[in-house]
PDB file of N, CA and C in Angstrom:
ATOM      1  N   UNK A   1     -25.057  39.467 120.101  1.00  0.00           N
ATOM      2  CA  UNK A   1     -25.903  38.248 119.931  1.00  0.00           C
ATOM      3  C   UNK A   1     -27.158  38.846 119.415  1.00  0.00           C
ATOM      4  N   UNK A   2     -27.662  39.830 119.684  1.00  0.00           N
ATOM      5  CA  UNK A   2     -28.887  40.213 119.322  1.00  0.00           C
ATOM      6  C   UNK A   2     -28.785  40.913 117.779  1.00  0.00           C
ATOM      7  N   UNK A   3     -27.716  40.935 117.180  1.00  0.00           N
ATOM      8  CA  UNK A   3     -27.421  41.629 115.862  1.00  0.00           C
ATOM      9  C   UNK A   3     -27.803  40.408 114.761  1.00  0.00           C
ATOM     10  N   UNK A   4     -28.926  39.947 114.772  1.00  0.00           N
ATOM     11  CA  UNK A   4     -29.167  39.109 113.694  1.00  0.00           C
ATOM     12  C   UNK A   4     -28.646  37.774 113.544  1.00  0.00           C
ATOM     13  N   UNK A   5     -28.240  37.236 114.595  1.00  0.00           N
ATOM     14  CA  UNK A   5     -27.746  35.757 114.626  1.00  0.00           C
ATOM     15  C   UNK A   5     -28.947  34.886 114.485  1.00  0.00           C
ATOM     16  N   UNK A   6     -28.908  33.916 113.635  1.00  0.00           N
ATOM     17  CA  UNK A   6     -30.021  32.970 113.536  1.00  0.00           C
ATOM     18  C   UNK A   6     -30.048  31.915 114.505  1.00  0.00           C
ATOM     19  N   UNK A   7     -31.080  31.198 114.760  1.00  0.00           N
ATOM     20  CA  UNK A   7     -31.439  30.311 115.853  1.00  0.00           C
ATOM     21  C   UNK A   7     -30.428  29.026 115.859  1.00  0.00           C
ATOM     22  N   UNK A   8     -29.972  28.734 114.711  1.00  0.00           N
ATOM     23  CA  UNK A   8     -28.992  27.746 114.722  1.00  0.00           C
ATOM     24  C   UNK A   8     -27.748  28.076 115.233  1.00  0.00           C
ATOM     25  N   UNK A   9     -27.211  29.266 114.933  1.00  0.00           N
ATOM     26  CA  UNK A   9     -26.122  29.845 115.391  1.00  0.00           C
ATOM     27  C   UNK A   9     -26.043  29.871 116.988  1.00  0.00           C
ATOM     28  N   UNK A  10     -27.250  30.316 117.471  1.00  0.00           N
ATOM     29  CA  UNK A  10     -27.414  30.457 118.922  1.00  0.00           C
ATOM     30  C   UNK A  10     -27.282  29.131 119.667  1.00  0.00           C
ATOM     31  N   UNK A  11     -28.014  27.967 118.931  1.00  0.00           N
ATOM     32  CA  UNK A  11     -27.950  26.814 119.568  1.00  0.00           C
ATOM     33  C   UNK A  11     -26.525  26.231 119.589  1.00  0.00           C
ATOM     34  N   UNK A  12     -25.598  26.280 118.466  1.00  0.00           N
ATOM     35  CA  UNK A  12     -24.363  26.070 118.532  1.00  0.00           C
ATOM     36  C   UNK A  12     -23.462  26.795 119.489  1.00  0.00           C
ATOM     37  N   UNK A  13     -23.741  27.880 119.716  1.00  0.00           N
ATOM     38  CA  UNK A  13     -23.110  28.844 120.722  1.00  0.00           C
ATOM     39  C   UNK A  13     -23.392  28.139 122.178  1.00  0.00           C
ATOM     40  N   UNK A  14     -24.673  27.962 122.274  1.00  0.00           N
ATOM     41  CA  UNK A  14     -25.106  27.505 123.649  1.00  0.00           C
ATOM     42  C   UNK A  14     -24.395  26.061 123.874  1.00  0.00           C
ATOM     43  N   UNK A  15     -24.435  25.270 122.815  1.00  0.00           N
ATOM     44  CA  UNK A  15     -23.797  23.835 123.137  1.00  0.00           C
ATOM     45  C   UNK A  15     -22.257  24.051 123.467  1.00  0.00           C
ATOM     46  N   UNK A  16     -21.610  24.958 122.560  1.00  0.00           N
ATOM     47  CA  UNK A  16     -20.236  25.233 122.863  1.00  0.00           C
ATOM     48  C   UNK A  16     -20.048  25.556 124.470  1.00  0.00           C
ATOM     49  N   UNK A  17     -20.799  26.495 124.763  1.00  0.00           N
ATOM     50  CA  UNK A  17     -20.470  26.901 126.296  1.00  0.00           C
ATOM     51  C   UNK A  17     -20.859  25.909 127.340  1.00  0.00           C
ATOM     52  N   UNK A  18     -21.893  24.960 126.833  1.00  0.00           N
ATOM     53  CA  UNK A  18     -22.357  24.006 127.762  1.00  0.00           C
ATOM     54  C   UNK A  18     -21.271  22.995 127.992  1.00  0.00           C
ATOM     55  N   UNK A  19     -20.542  22.616 126.824  1.00  0.00           N
ATOM     56  CA  UNK A  19     -19.457  21.809 126.967  1.00  0.00           C
ATOM     57  C   UNK A  19     -18.235  22.399 127.795  1.00  0.00           C
ATOM     58  N   UNK A  20     -18.069  23.571 127.689  1.00  0.00           N
ATOM     59  CA  UNK A  20     -16.996  24.379 128.656  1.00  0.00           C
ATOM     60  C   UNK A  20     -17.452  24.272 129.950  1.00  0.00           C
ATOM     61  N   UNK A  21     -18.673  24.644 130.200  1.00  0.00           N
ATOM     62  CA  UNK A  21     -19.127  24.477 131.619  1.00  0.00           C
ATOM     63  C   UNK A  21     -19.035  23.243 132.213  1.00  0.00           C
ATOM     64  N   UNK A  22     -19.351  22.139 131.522  1.00  0.00           N
ATOM     65  CA  UNK A  22     -19.086  20.788 131.863  1.00  0.00           C
ATOM     66  C   UNK A  22     -17.623  20.389 132.232  1.00  0.00           C
ATOM     67  N   UNK A  23     -16.814  21.119 131.559  1.00  0.00           N
ATOM     68  CA  UNK A  23     -15.291  20.873 131.856  1.00  0.00           C
ATOM     69  C   UNK A  23     -14.879  21.682 133.024  1.00  0.00           C
ATOM     70  N   UNK A  24     -15.713  22.505 133.667  1.00  0.00           N
ATOM     71  CA  UNK A  24     -15.369  23.197 134.863  1.00  0.00           C
ATOM     72  C   UNK A  24     -15.053  24.759 134.535  1.00  0.00           C
ATOM     73  N   UNK A  25     -15.006  24.999 133.113  1.00  0.00           N
ATOM     74  CA  UNK A  25     -14.568  26.450 132.879  1.00  0.00           C
ATOM     75  C   UNK A  25     -15.803  27.483 133.466  1.00  0.00           C
ATOM     76  N   UNK A  26     -15.341  28.454 134.035  1.00  0.00           N
ATOM     77  CA  UNK A  26     -16.161  29.606 134.431  1.00  0.00           C
ATOM     78  C   UNK A  26     -16.151  30.667 133.314  1.00  0.00           C
ATOM     79  N   UNK A  27     -17.443  30.843 132.887  1.00  0.00           N
ATOM     80  CA  UNK A  27     -17.692  31.831 131.881  1.00  0.00           C
ATOM     81  C   UNK A  27     -18.330  33.083 132.259  1.00  0.00           C
ATOM     82  N   UNK A  28     -17.710  34.220 131.921  1.00  0.00           N
ATOM     83  CA  UNK A  28     -18.261  35.470 132.073  1.00  0.00           C
ATOM     84  C   UNK A  28     -18.431  36.168 130.782  1.00  0.00           C
ATOM     85  N   UNK A  29     -19.664  36.751 130.510  1.00  0.00           N
ATOM     86  CA  UNK A  29     -19.894  37.500 129.358  1.00  0.00           C
ATOM     87  C   UNK A  29     -20.390  38.944 129.678  1.00  0.00           C
ATOM     88  N   UNK A  30     -19.947  39.948 128.972  1.00  0.00           N
ATOM     89  CA  UNK A  30     -20.428  41.197 128.969  1.00  0.00           C
ATOM     90  C   UNK A  30     -21.048  41.621 127.782  1.00  0.00           C
ATOM     91  N   UNK A  31     -22.426  41.946 127.783  1.00  0.00           N
ATOM     92  CA  UNK A  31     -23.161  42.199 126.796  1.00  0.00           C
ATOM     93  C   UNK A  31     -23.752  43.708 126.771  1.00  0.00           C
ATOM     94  N   UNK A  32     -24.169  44.170 125.417  1.00  0.00           N
ATOM     95  CA  UNK A  32     -24.690  45.570 125.599  1.00  0.00           C
ATOM     96  C   UNK A  32     -26.125  45.472 126.257  1.00  0.00           C
ATOM     97  N   UNK A  33     -26.400  46.643 126.948  1.00  0.00           N
ATOM     98  CA  UNK A  33     -27.415  46.746 127.798  1.00  0.00           C
ATOM     99  C   UNK A  33     -28.909  46.563 126.918  1.00  0.00           C
ATOM    100  N   UNK A  34     -28.883  46.701 125.631  1.00  0.00           N
ATOM    101  CA  UNK A  34     -30.142  46.528 124.841  1.00  0.00           C
ATOM    102  C   UNK A  34     -30.400  45.127 124.842  1.00  0.00           C
ATOM    103  N   UNK A  35     -29.418  44.123 125.032  1.00  0.00           N
ATOM    104  CA  UNK A  35     -29.724  42.702 125.019  1.00  0.00           C
ATOM    105  C   UNK A  35     -30.744  42.284 126.012  1.00  0.00           C
ATOM    106  N   UNK A  36     -30.860  43.007 127.190  1.00  0.00           N
ATOM    107  CA  UNK A  36     -31.766  42.632 128.273  1.00  0.00           C
ATOM    108  C   UNK A  36     -33.183  42.596 127.658  1.00  0.00           C
ATOM    109  N   UNK A  37     -33.519  43.565 126.795  1.00  0.00           N
ATOM    110  CA  UNK A  37     -34.803  43.578 126.167  1.00  0.00           C
ATOM    111  C   UNK A  37     -34.884  42.676 124.866  1.00  0.00           C
ATOM    112  N   UNK A  38     -33.841  42.607 124.144  1.00  0.00           N
ATOM    113  CA  UNK A  38     -33.919  42.010 122.737  1.00  0.00           C
ATOM    114  C   UNK A  38     -33.830  40.552 122.921  1.00  0.00           C
ATOM    115  N   UNK A  39     -33.082  39.819 123.977  1.00  0.00           N
ATOM    116  CA  UNK A  39     -32.957  38.457 123.855  1.00  0.00           C
ATOM    117  C   UNK A  39     -33.090  37.778 125.256  1.00  0.00           C
ATOM    118  N   UNK A  40     -34.142  38.188 125.941  1.00  0.00           N
ATOM    119  CA  UNK A  40     -34.382  37.769 127.379  1.00  0.00           C
ATOM    120  C   UNK A  40     -34.283  36.181 127.596  1.00  0.00           C
ATOM    121  N   UNK A  41     -34.873  35.536 126.378  1.00  0.00           N
ATOM    122  CA  UNK A  41     -35.022  34.048 126.513  1.00  0.00           C
ATOM    123  C   UNK A  41     -33.736  33.395 126.543  1.00  0.00           C
ATOM    124  N   UNK A  42     -32.689  33.877 125.635  1.00  0.00           N
ATOM    125  CA  UNK A  42     -31.258  33.491 125.646  1.00  0.00           C
ATOM    126  C   UNK A  42     -30.627  33.763 126.884  1.00  0.00           C
ATOM    127  N   UNK A  43     -30.791  34.912 127.539  1.00  0.00           N
ATOM    128  CA  UNK A  43     -30.125  35.431 128.832  1.00  0.00           C
ATOM    129  C   UNK A  43     -30.613  34.457 129.878  1.00  0.00           C
ATOM    130  N   UNK A  44     -31.832  34.232 129.863  1.00  0.00           N
ATOM    131  CA  UNK A  44     -32.305  33.256 131.004  1.00  0.00           C
ATOM    132  C   UNK A  44     -31.776  31.872 130.821  1.00  0.00           C
ATOM    133  N   UNK A  45     -31.500  31.370 129.529  1.00  0.00           N
ATOM    134  CA  UNK A  45     -30.969  30.105 129.321  1.00  0.00           C
ATOM    135  C   UNK A  45     -29.511  30.059 129.700  1.00  0.00           C
ATOM    136  N   UNK A  46     -28.715  31.149 129.230  1.00  0.00           N
ATOM    137  CA  UNK A  46     -27.318  31.132 129.732  1.00  0.00           C
ATOM    138  C   UNK A  46     -27.242  31.131 131.319  1.00  0.00           C
ATOM    139  N   UNK A  47     -28.013  31.994 131.904  1.00  0.00           N
ATOM    140  CA  UNK A  47     -27.934  32.027 133.448  1.00  0.00           C
ATOM    141  C   UNK A  47     -28.248  30.671 133.950  1.00  0.00           C
ATOM    142  N   UNK A  48     -29.331  29.942 133.544  1.00  0.00           N
ATOM    143  CA  UNK A  48     -29.688  28.582 134.036  1.00  0.00           C
ATOM    144  C   UNK A  48     -28.329  27.694 133.830  1.00  0.00           C
ATOM    145  N   UNK A  49     -27.663  27.857 132.843  1.00  0.00           N
ATOM    146  CA  UNK A  49     -26.421  27.001 132.689  1.00  0.00           C
ATOM    147  C   UNK A  49     -25.332  27.367 133.480  1.00  0.00           C
ATOM    148  N   UNK A  50     -25.274  28.529 134.056  1.00  0.00           N
ATOM    149  CA  UNK A  50     -24.309  28.858 135.021  1.00  0.00           C
ATOM    150  C   UNK A  50     -23.332  29.980 134.481  1.00  0.00           C
ATOM    151  N   UNK A  51     -23.729  30.603 133.376  1.00  0.00           N
ATOM    152  CA  UNK A  51     -22.923  31.620 132.560  1.00  0.00           C
ATOM    153  C   UNK A  51     -23.127  32.948 133.492  1.00  0.00           C
ATOM    154  N   UNK A  52     -22.039  33.677 133.876  1.00  0.00           N
ATOM    155  CA  UNK A  52     -22.136  34.797 134.600  1.00  0.00           C
ATOM    156  C   UNK A  52     -22.392  36.038 133.397  1.00  0.00           C
ATOM    157  N   UNK A  53     -23.366  36.709 133.778  1.00  0.00           N
ATOM    158  CA  UNK A  53     -23.617  37.780 132.600  1.00  0.00           C
ATOM    159  C   UNK A  53     -23.634  39.235 133.204  1.00  0.00           C
ATOM    160  N   UNK A  54     -23.126  40.031 132.418  1.00  0.00           N
ATOM    161  CA  UNK A  54     -22.981  41.577 132.974  1.00  0.00           C
ATOM    162  C   UNK A  54     -23.469  42.288 131.837  1.00  0.00           C
ATOM    163  N   UNK A  55     -23.859  43.539 132.071  1.00  0.00           N
ATOM    164  CA  UNK A  55     -24.456  44.264 130.716  1.00  0.00           C
ATOM    165  C   UNK A  55     -23.473  45.691 130.922  1.00  0.00           C
ATOM    166  N   UNK A  56     -22.976  46.190 129.874  1.00  0.00           N
ATOM    167  CA  UNK A  56     -22.006  47.297 129.788  1.00  0.00           C
ATOM    168  C   UNK A  56     -21.969  47.656 128.394  1.00  0.00           C
ATOM    169  N   UNK A  57     -22.232  48.940 127.963  1.00  0.00           N
ATOM    170  CA  UNK A  57     -21.984  49.305 126.426  1.00  0.00           C
ATOM    171  C   UNK A  57     -20.704  49.630 126.235  1.00  0.00           C
ATOM    172  N   UNK A  58     -19.921  48.858 125.212  1.00  0.00           N
ATOM    173  CA  UNK A  58     -18.567  48.972 124.843  1.00  0.00           C
ATOM    174  C   UNK A  58     -18.332  49.737 123.714  1.00  0.00           C
ATOM    175  N   UNK A  59     -19.314  50.376 123.039  1.00  0.00           N
ATOM    176  CA  UNK A  59     -19.371  51.340 121.922  1.00  0.00           C
ATOM    177  C   UNK A  59     -18.617  50.546 120.837  1.00  0.00           C
ATOM    178  N   UNK A  60     -19.284  49.608 120.058  1.00  0.00           N
ATOM    179  CA  UNK A  60     -18.704  48.986 118.830  1.00  0.00           C
ATOM    180  C   UNK A  60     -17.526  48.124 119.074  1.00  0.00           C
ATOM    181  N   UNK A  61     -17.253  47.764 120.287  1.00  0.00           N
ATOM    182  CA  UNK A  61     -16.061  46.890 120.662  1.00  0.00           C
ATOM    183  C   UNK A  61     -16.315  45.534 121.248  1.00  0.00           C
ATOM    184  N   UNK A  62     -15.865  44.408 120.838  1.00  0.00           N
ATOM    185  CA  UNK A  62     -16.142  43.277 121.562  1.00  0.00           C
ATOM    186  C   UNK A  62     -14.786  42.609 121.638  1.00  0.00           C
ATOM    187  N   UNK A  63     -14.654  41.682 122.561  1.00  0.00           N
ATOM    188  CA  UNK A  63     -13.490  40.938 122.757  1.00  0.00           C
ATOM    189  C   UNK A  63     -13.748  39.564 123.542  1.00  0.00           C
ATOM    190  N   UNK A  64     -12.934  38.693 123.468  1.00  0.00           N
ATOM    191  CA  UNK A  64     -12.992  37.268 124.187  1.00  0.00           C
ATOM    192  C   UNK A  64     -11.591  37.007 124.686  1.00  0.00           C
ATOM    193  N   UNK A  65     -11.678  36.226 125.604  1.00  0.00           N
ATOM    194  CA  UNK A  65     -10.349  35.613 126.108  1.00  0.00           C
ATOM    195  C   UNK A  65     -10.658  34.284 126.548  1.00  0.00           C
ATOM    196  N   UNK A  66      -9.891  33.277 126.017  1.00  0.00           N
ATOM    197  CA  UNK A  66     -10.135  31.924 126.351  1.00  0.00           C
ATOM    198  C   UNK A  66      -8.949  31.333 127.112  1.00  0.00           C
ATOM    199  N   UNK A  67      -9.384  31.062 128.228  1.00  0.00           N
ATOM    200  CA  UNK A  67      -8.227  30.384 129.317  1.00  0.00           C
ATOM    201  C   UNK A  67      -7.072  31.260 129.441  1.00  0.00           C
ATOM    202  N   UNK A  68      -7.046  32.504 129.162  1.00  0.00           N
ATOM    203  CA  UNK A  68      -5.920  33.490 129.379  1.00  0.00           C
ATOM    204  C   UNK A  68      -4.767  33.045 128.397  1.00  0.00           C
ATOM    205  N   UNK A  69      -5.122  32.507 127.162  1.00  0.00           N
ATOM    206  CA  UNK A  69      -4.110  32.058 126.302  1.00  0.00           C
ATOM    207  C   UNK A  69      -4.339  32.719 124.870  1.00  0.00           C
ATOM    208  N   UNK A  70      -5.687  32.711 124.581  1.00  0.00           N
ATOM    209  CA  UNK A  70      -6.134  33.121 123.272  1.00  0.00           C
ATOM    210  C   UNK A  70      -7.038  34.515 123.406  1.00  0.00           C
ATOM    211  N   UNK A  71      -6.788  35.539 122.723  1.00  0.00           N
ATOM    212  CA  UNK A  71      -7.587  36.669 122.807  1.00  0.00           C
ATOM    213  C   UNK A  71      -7.950  37.082 121.404  1.00  0.00           C
ATOM    214  N   UNK A  72      -9.247  37.751 121.380  1.00  0.00           N
ATOM    215  CA  UNK A  72      -9.588  38.396 120.208  1.00  0.00           C
ATOM    216  C   UNK A  72     -10.300  39.612 120.374  1.00  0.00           C
ATOM    217  N   UNK A  73     -10.148  40.587 119.417  1.00  0.00           N
ATOM    218  CA  UNK A  73     -10.930  41.863 119.625  1.00  0.00           C
ATOM    219  C   UNK A  73     -11.688  42.206 118.359  1.00  0.00           C
ATOM    220  N   UNK A  74     -12.851  42.402 118.378  1.00  0.00           N
ATOM    221  CA  UNK A  74     -13.747  42.763 117.360  1.00  0.00           C
ATOM    222  C   UNK A  74     -14.201  44.334 117.471  1.00  0.00           C
ATOM    223  N   UNK A  75     -14.021  44.979 116.225  1.00  0.00           N
ATOM    224  CA  UNK A  75     -14.316  46.270 116.103  1.00  0.00           C
ATOM    225  C   UNK A  75     -15.404  46.429 114.982  1.00  0.00           C
ATOM    226  N   UNK A  76     -16.571  47.069 115.368  1.00  0.00           N
ATOM    227  CA  UNK A  76     -17.725  47.123 114.349  1.00  0.00           C
ATOM    228  C   UNK A  76     -17.669  48.656 113.731  1.00  0.00           C
ATOM    229  N   UNK A  77     -17.805  48.663 112.477  1.00  0.00           N
ATOM    230  CA  UNK A  77     -17.626  50.060 111.771  1.00  0.00           C
ATOM    231  C   UNK A  77     -18.106  49.726 110.256  1.00  0.00           C
ATOM    232  N   UNK A  78     -19.031  50.666 109.976  1.00  0.00           N
ATOM    233  CA  UNK A  78     -19.408  50.451 108.483  1.00  0.00           C
ATOM    234  C   UNK A  78     -18.266  50.732 107.504  1.00  0.00           C
ATOM    235  N   UNK A  79     -17.167  51.129 107.964  1.00  0.00           N
ATOM    236  CA  UNK A  79     -15.896  51.337 107.141  1.00  0.00           C
ATOM    237  C   UNK A  79     -15.391  49.958 106.696  1.00  0.00           C
ATOM    238  N   UNK A  80     -15.583  48.812 107.460  1.00  0.00           N
ATOM    239  CA  UNK A  80     -15.083  47.678 107.060  1.00  0.00           C
ATOM    240  C   UNK A  80     -15.941  46.796 106.419  1.00  0.00           C
ATOM    241  N   UNK A  81     -15.488  46.061 105.402  1.00  0.00           N
ATOM    242  CA  UNK A  81     -16.331  45.102 104.739  1.00  0.00           C
ATOM    243  C   UNK A  81     -16.977  43.982 105.550  1.00  0.00           C
ATOM    244  N   UNK A  82     -18.215  44.106 105.440  1.00  0.00           N
ATOM    245  CA  UNK A  82     -18.824  43.012 106.275  1.00  0.00           C
ATOM    246  C   UNK A  82     -19.311  43.735 107.723  1.00  0.00           C
ATOM    247  N   UNK A  83     -19.046  44.915 107.818  1.00  0.00           N
ATOM    248  CA  UNK A  83     -19.222  45.663 109.099  1.00  0.00           C
ATOM    249  C   UNK A  83     -18.542  45.536 110.414  1.00  0.00           C
ATOM    250  N   UNK A  84     -17.472  44.616 110.435  1.00  0.00           N
ATOM    251  CA  UNK A  84     -16.566  44.505 111.475  1.00  0.00           C
ATOM    252  C   UNK A  84     -15.301  43.802 111.085  1.00  0.00           C
ATOM    253  N   UNK A  85     -14.398  43.873 111.904  1.00  0.00           N
ATOM    254  CA  UNK A  85     -12.961  43.358 111.647  1.00  0.00           C
ATOM    255  C   UNK A  85     -12.809  42.584 113.046  1.00  0.00           C
ATOM    256  N   UNK A  86     -12.246  41.325 113.031  1.00  0.00           N
ATOM    257  CA  UNK A  86     -11.756  40.637 114.149  1.00  0.00           C
ATOM    258  C   UNK A  86     -10.334  40.319 114.132  1.00  0.00           C
ATOM    259  N   UNK A  87      -9.576  40.410 115.112  1.00  0.00           N
ATOM    260  CA  UNK A  87      -8.192  39.954 115.158  1.00  0.00           C
ATOM    261  C   UNK A  87      -8.045  38.945 116.342  1.00  0.00           C
ATOM    262  N   UNK A  88      -7.669  37.885 116.024  1.00  0.00           N
ATOM    263  CA  UNK A  88      -7.489  36.669 117.103  1.00  0.00           C
ATOM    264  C   UNK A  88      -5.943  36.402 117.132  1.00  0.00           C
ATOM    265  N   UNK A  89      -5.456  36.383 118.488  1.00  0.00           N
ATOM    266  CA  UNK A  89      -4.128  35.981 118.738  1.00  0.00           C
ATOM    267  C   UNK A  89      -4.058  34.868 119.751  1.00  0.00           C
ATOM    268  N   UNK A  90      -3.168  34.093 119.394  1.00  0.00           N
ATOM    269  CA  UNK A  90      -2.618  33.153 120.460  1.00  0.00           C
ATOM    270  C   UNK A  90      -1.395  33.679 121.142  1.00  0.00           C
ATOM    271  N   UNK A  91      -1.567  34.465 122.165  1.00  0.00           N
ATOM    272  CA  UNK A  91      -0.466  35.189 122.871  1.00  0.00           C
ATOM    273  C   UNK A  91      -0.621  35.320 124.337  1.00  0.00           C
ATOM    274  N   UNK A  92      -0.014  34.622 125.015  1.00  0.00           N
ATOM    275  CA  UNK A  92      -0.365  34.499 126.518  1.00  0.00           C
ATOM    276  C   UNK A  92      -0.250  35.893 127.248  1.00  0.00           C
ATOM    277  N   UNK A  93       0.663  36.640 127.002  1.00  0.00           N
ATOM    278  CA  UNK A  93       0.742  37.962 127.755  1.00  0.00           C
ATOM    279  C   UNK A  93      -0.434  38.751 127.161  1.00  0.00           C
ATOM    280  N   UNK A  94      -0.638  38.757 125.858  1.00  0.00           N
ATOM    281  CA  UNK A  94      -1.762  39.749 125.400  1.00  0.00           C
ATOM    282  C   UNK A  94      -2.936  39.246 125.936  1.00  0.00           C
ATOM    283  N   UNK A  95      -3.299  37.859 126.015  1.00  0.00           N
ATOM    284  CA  UNK A  95      -4.515  37.434 126.514  1.00  0.00           C
ATOM    285  C   UNK A  95      -4.806  37.767 128.104  1.00  0.00           C
ATOM    286  N   UNK A  96      -3.700  37.785 128.761  1.00  0.00           N
ATOM    287  CA  UNK A  96      -3.758  37.988 130.166  1.00  0.00           C
ATOM    288  C   UNK A  96      -4.109  39.648 130.223  1.00  0.00           C
ATOM    289  N   UNK A  97      -3.480  40.390 129.499  1.00  0.00           N
ATOM    290  CA  UNK A  97      -3.809  41.803 129.601  1.00  0.00           C
ATOM    291  C   UNK A  97      -5.340  42.064 129.078  1.00  0.00           C
ATOM    292  N   UNK A  98      -5.773  41.287 128.316  1.00  0.00           N
ATOM    293  CA  UNK A  98      -7.184  41.431 127.780  1.00  0.00           C
ATOM    294  C   UNK A  98      -8.194  40.801 128.861  1.00  0.00           C
ATOM    295  N   UNK A  99      -7.682  39.867 129.660  1.00  0.00           N
ATOM    296  CA  UNK A  99      -8.470  39.247 130.733  1.00  0.00           C
ATOM    297  C   UNK A  99      -8.463  40.486 131.822  1.00  0.00           C
ATOM    298  N   UNK A 100      -7.457  41.075 132.118  1.00  0.00           N
ATOM    299  CA  UNK A 100      -7.365  42.136 133.124  1.00  0.00           C
ATOM    300  C   UNK A 100      -8.412  43.357 132.862  1.00  0.00           C
ATOM    301  N   UNK A 101      -8.324  43.635 131.463  1.00  0.00           N
ATOM    302  CA  UNK A 101      -9.146  44.686 130.964  1.00  0.00           C
ATOM    303  C   UNK A 101     -10.614  44.220 131.231  1.00  0.00           C
ATOM    304  N   UNK A 102     -10.924  43.020 130.754  1.00  0.00           N
ATOM    305  CA  UNK A 102     -12.236  42.480 130.903  1.00  0.00           C
ATOM    306  C   UNK A 102     -12.793  42.560 132.227  1.00  0.00           C
ATOM    307  N   UNK A 103     -11.982  42.132 133.223  1.00  0.00           N
ATOM    308  CA  UNK A 103     -12.494  42.215 134.615  1.00  0.00           C
ATOM    309  C   UNK A 103     -12.456  43.574 135.182  1.00  0.00           C
ATOM    310  N   UNK A 104     -11.845  44.554 134.729  1.00  0.00           N
ATOM    311  CA  UNK A 104     -11.959  45.950 135.002  1.00  0.00           C
ATOM    312  C   UNK A 104     -13.323  46.363 134.571  1.00  0.00           C
ATOM    313  N   UNK A 105     -13.753  45.965 133.388  1.00  0.00           N
ATOM    314  CA  UNK A 105     -15.189  46.370 132.858  1.00  0.00           C
ATOM    315  C   UNK A 105     -16.172  45.679 133.710  1.00  0.00           C
ATOM    316  N   UNK A 106     -15.942  44.372 133.939  1.00  0.00           N
ATOM    317  CA  UNK A 106     -16.859  43.452 134.633  1.00  0.00           C
ATOM    318  C   UNK A 106     -17.120  44.145 136.053  1.00  0.00           C
ATOM    319  N   UNK A 107     -16.280  44.871 136.660  1.00  0.00           N
ATOM    320  CA  UNK A 107     -16.550  45.383 137.850  1.00  0.00           C
ATOM    321  C   UNK A 107     -17.662  46.514 137.677  1.00  0.00           C
ATOM    322  N   UNK A 108     -17.515  47.313 136.617  1.00  0.00           N
ATOM    323  CA  UNK A 108     -18.433  48.293 136.391  1.00  0.00           C
ATOM    324  C   UNK A 108     -19.911  47.818 135.771  1.00  0.00           C
ATOM    325  N   UNK A 109     -19.927  46.599 135.199  1.00  0.00           N
ATOM    326  CA  UNK A 109     -21.070  46.030 134.577  1.00  0.00           C
ATOM    327  C   UNK A 109     -22.296  45.764 135.542  1.00  0.00           C
ATOM    328  N   UNK A 110     -23.566  45.960 135.004  1.00  0.00           N
ATOM    329  CA  UNK A 110     -24.672  45.532 135.794  1.00  0.00           C
ATOM    330  C   UNK A 110     -24.806  44.136 135.707  1.00  0.00           C
ATOM    331  N   UNK A 111     -24.962  43.433 136.731  1.00  0.00           N
ATOM    332  CA  UNK A 111     -25.001  41.856 136.851  1.00  0.00           C
ATOM    333  C   UNK A 111     -26.473  41.445 136.553  1.00  0.00           C
ATOM    334  N   UNK A 112     -26.641  40.451 135.834  1.00  0.00           N
ATOM    335  CA  UNK A 112     -27.826  39.845 135.586  1.00  0.00           C
ATOM    336  C   UNK A 112     -28.332  38.723 136.544  1.00  0.00           C
TER     337      UNK A 112
END
């Protein structure tokens, strides 16, 4: 999130998570530790909304899991056009495995 996302993108992102939280979805996010210093206002806003935030450096890797049904993996590298590649799959077993991986990292993450 600290990597050049414009203000309108951040506002859309917050709105999306706000809608999910209003539906009763519990949101966990793991961010790079540099975000503590780079985007403190956004972190405070997310925390106020009820988002669970942890910090852990994933070394150019990002992933999401939505309701244990949809998973995506993002890999950052200068070798890819645009600097990263993202694979998104609607596959329940894969998403469940990604959720398990996420929570194994969550246990190690520094909580905000």
